[in-house]
Protein backbone atom coordinates (compact mmCIF):
# COMPACT_ATOMS: atom_id res chain seq x y z
CA MET A 1 114.40 112.57 120.10
CA ALA A 2 113.11 111.01 116.88
CA GLU A 3 109.75 109.36 117.15
CA ASN A 4 109.28 106.19 115.11
CA LYS A 5 105.59 105.76 114.42
CA ILE A 6 104.33 102.66 112.71
CA ILE A 7 101.96 103.63 109.92
CA MET A 8 99.40 101.03 108.95
CA LEU A 9 97.52 101.26 105.67
CA THR A 10 94.19 99.90 104.56
CA ILE A 11 94.02 98.09 101.23
CA LYS A 12 92.58 101.23 99.63
CA GLU A 13 95.41 103.41 100.97
CA ALA A 14 98.09 100.90 99.93
CA ALA A 15 96.70 100.72 96.39
CA ALA A 16 96.64 104.52 96.15
CA LEU A 17 100.41 104.67 96.81
CA VAL A 18 101.26 103.09 93.46
CA GLU A 19 99.78 104.09 90.14
CA GLY A 20 98.25 101.08 88.42
CA LEU A 21 98.03 98.95 91.58
CA THR A 22 94.45 97.99 92.29
CA GLU A 23 92.73 97.27 95.58
CA TYR A 24 91.95 93.79 94.25
CA ARG A 25 95.65 93.08 93.67
CA VAL A 26 96.68 94.36 97.11
CA ARG A 27 93.97 92.17 98.69
CA GLN A 28 95.23 89.14 96.75
CA MET A 29 98.79 89.88 97.90
CA CYS A 30 97.54 89.76 101.51
CA ILE A 31 95.48 86.61 101.00
CA ASN A 32 98.46 84.85 99.39
CA ASP A 33 100.80 86.07 102.17
CA GLN A 34 103.00 87.92 99.68
CA VAL A 35 102.83 91.03 101.86
CA PRO A 36 103.07 90.99 105.66
CA HIS A 37 99.80 92.19 107.18
CA ILE A 38 97.58 91.93 110.23
CA MET A 39 93.85 91.54 110.46
CA ALA A 40 91.62 93.88 112.45
CA GLY A 41 88.35 92.00 112.28
CA LYS A 42 87.85 91.48 108.55
CA LYS A 43 90.04 94.44 107.60
CA TYR A 44 93.60 93.97 106.34
CA LEU A 45 96.19 96.40 107.71
CA ILE A 46 99.56 96.67 106.02
CA ASN A 47 102.69 98.26 107.47
CA LYS A 48 103.55 101.13 105.09
CA GLU A 49 107.35 100.82 105.39
CA THR A 50 107.30 97.04 104.88
CA PHE A 51 104.91 97.36 101.93
CA LEU A 52 107.12 99.92 100.17
CA ARG A 53 110.21 97.75 100.76
CA TYR A 54 108.35 94.77 99.25
CA LEU A 55 107.43 96.80 96.17
CA ARG A 56 111.07 97.85 95.74
CA GLY A 57 112.08 94.18 95.82
CA GLU A 58 113.91 94.36 99.13
CA THR A 59 113.75 91.40 101.49
CA ALA A 60 112.99 91.59 105.20
């Protein structure tokens, strides 16, 4: 049975996935609601699969 785990990334982890993408830019993408995210206190958490689809230009 395949297990589907949701992987959430911090801003730092999301920025590290793509060369040239800064933490500042990822944070701005969250603030401007360009990338779906949730807040855990003051920390932004981004779904890895959704983030990668967004970067590839795919729509939800």
